[in-house]
């Protein structure tokens, strides 16, 4: 079960990366990990450093993928983003948090939805 979820997550991240690149994002890092958590994708878009959470679903029976980015998850991503900013001395850089929802329903095309500035630093 966990293997299937991880495989689905990796597939979603590949789809999201390709989508982001087509839309002008420059991918800087993937799966940036620290003790307090992980950020799926870190990218540049124009003047912004963008921390991106990718949520992938094969069914919407448990809700839209965006609903999985809870306040707890937002706080975790914010902490990891602060680590990245500190390690790279980027505190003067404009940054934001985007979410990419990838929905791959059976017998249907893959849908990708980008939500720029989906939440604020927690």
Protein backbone atom coordinates (compact mmCIF):
# COMPACT_ATOMS: atom_id res chain seq x y z
CA UNK A 1 0.00 0.00 0.00
CA UNK A 2 2.73 2.50 0.99
CA UNK A 3 4.73 1.53 -2.12
CA UNK A 4 1.71 2.32 -4.34
CA UNK A 5 1.23 5.69 -2.62
CA UNK A 6 4.93 6.53 -3.02
CA UNK A 7 4.86 5.49 -6.68
CA UNK A 8 1.74 7.60 -7.26
CA UNK A 9 3.39 10.54 -5.49
CA UNK A 10 6.55 10.28 -7.61
CA UNK A 11 4.44 10.08 -10.77
CA UNK A 12 2.48 13.14 -9.70
CA UNK A 13 5.68 15.04 -8.99
CA UNK A 14 7.03 14.21 -12.47
CA UNK A 15 3.79 15.40 -14.07
CA UNK A 16 3.81 18.55 -11.92
CA UNK A 17 7.47 19.30 -12.77
CA UNK A 18 6.80 19.05 -16.50
CA UNK A 19 3.70 21.24 -16.15
CA UNK A 20 5.60 23.86 -14.14
CA UNK A 21 8.47 23.96 -16.63
CA UNK A 22 6.02 24.46 -19.51
CA UNK A 23 4.60 27.39 -17.55
CA UNK A 24 7.91 29.17 -17.01
CA UNK A 25 9.08 27.75 -13.70
CA UNK A 26 12.76 26.85 -13.35
CA UNK A 27 13.11 23.79 -11.12
CA UNK A 28 15.89 24.25 -8.54
CA UNK A 29 15.36 21.25 -6.28
CA UNK A 30 13.08 18.26 -5.82
CA UNK A 31 12.28 16.42 -2.61
CA UNK A 32 14.21 18.85 -0.40
CA UNK A 33 14.29 17.09 2.99
CA UNK A 34 15.08 18.25 6.49
CA UNK A 35 14.31 16.72 9.89
CA UNK A 36 11.08 18.69 10.12
CA UNK A 37 9.74 17.62 6.72
CA UNK A 38 10.02 17.86 2.96
CA UNK A 39 9.18 20.22 0.13
CA UNK A 40 8.29 18.47 -3.12
CA UNK A 41 9.62 21.09 -5.53
CA UNK A 42 11.53 24.35 -5.15
CA UNK A 43 11.52 26.54 -8.23
CA UNK A 44 11.95 30.04 -9.56
CA UNK A 45 9.25 31.90 -11.40
CA UNK A 46 10.20 35.41 -12.34
CA UNK A 47 11.36 37.20 -9.20
CA UNK A 48 9.83 34.57 -6.90
CA UNK A 49 11.35 31.62 -5.15
CA UNK A 50 8.46 29.15 -5.06
CA UNK A 51 7.99 26.28 -2.62
CA UNK A 52 5.59 23.80 -4.21
CA UNK A 53 3.54 21.04 -2.63
CA UNK A 54 2.24 18.39 -5.04
CA UNK A 55 -0.86 16.37 -4.19
CA UNK A 56 -1.85 13.48 -6.44
CA UNK A 57 -5.08 11.52 -6.37
CA UNK A 58 -6.65 8.76 -8.47
CA UNK A 59 -10.09 9.37 -7.01
CA UNK A 60 -11.89 12.34 -5.52
CA UNK A 61 -13.98 10.22 -3.17
CA UNK A 62 -11.89 11.51 -0.25
CA UNK A 63 -12.01 15.08 -1.50
CA UNK A 64 -10.03 17.32 -3.80
CA UNK A 65 -6.23 16.96 -3.59
CA UNK A 66 -5.96 20.54 -2.29
CA UNK A 67 -7.91 19.59 0.81
CA UNK A 68 -4.93 17.42 1.84
CA UNK A 69 -2.79 20.56 2.33
CA UNK A 70 -3.98 21.09 5.89
CA UNK A 71 -2.86 23.85 8.25
CA UNK A 72 -0.52 21.31 9.89
CA UNK A 73 1.02 20.50 6.48
CA UNK A 74 1.32 24.22 5.69
CA UNK A 75 3.22 24.80 8.96
CA UNK A 76 5.55 21.89 8.19
CA UNK A 77 6.26 23.19 4.67
CA UNK A 78 6.85 26.68 6.13
CA UNK A 79 9.45 25.32 8.57
CA UNK A 80 11.31 23.49 5.81
CA UNK A 81 11.15 26.60 3.60
CA UNK A 82 12.73 28.64 6.40
CA UNK A 83 15.58 26.09 6.54
CA UNK A 84 16.12 26.43 2.78
CA UNK A 85 16.09 30.23 2.97
CA UNK A 86 18.59 30.21 5.86
CA UNK A 87 20.93 27.66 4.27
CA UNK A 88 21.04 29.67 1.05
CA UNK A 89 20.98 33.14 2.65
CA UNK A 90 17.85 34.06 0.71
CA UNK A 91 15.83 35.92 3.35
CA UNK A 92 15.65 39.01 1.10
CA UNK A 93 14.15 36.97 -1.74
CA UNK A 94 10.44 37.18 -2.54
CA UNK A 95 8.96 33.76 -1.87
CA UNK A 96 5.57 32.11 -2.04
CA UNK A 97 3.87 28.75 -1.62
CA UNK A 98 2.11 27.11 -4.57
CA UNK A 99 0.17 23.87 -4.67
CA UNK A 100 -0.16 21.60 -7.70
CA UNK A 101 -3.08 19.19 -7.67
CA UNK A 102 -2.70 16.22 -10.01
CA UNK A 103 -5.82 14.14 -10.54
CA UNK A 104 -5.43 10.93 -12.52
CA UNK A 105 -8.89 9.38 -12.57
CA UNK A 106 -9.23 5.95 -14.11
CA UNK A 107 -10.30 6.09 -17.78
CA UNK A 108 -9.72 9.83 -17.85
CA UNK A 109 -7.03 12.30 -18.80
CA UNK A 110 -4.71 13.56 -16.13
CA UNK A 111 -5.77 16.96 -14.81
CA UNK A 112 -3.24 19.39 -13.40
CA UNK A 113 -4.34 22.40 -11.39
CA UNK A 114 -1.85 25.04 -10.24
CA UNK A 115 -2.76 27.25 -7.31
CA UNK A 116 -0.20 30.06 -7.04
CA UNK A 117 0.24 31.64 -3.61
CA UNK A 118 -1.98 28.93 -2.11
CA UNK A 119 -1.09 29.82 1.48
CA UNK A 120 1.04 32.19 3.53
CA UNK A 121 4.10 31.49 5.66
CA UNK A 122 2.84 29.95 8.90
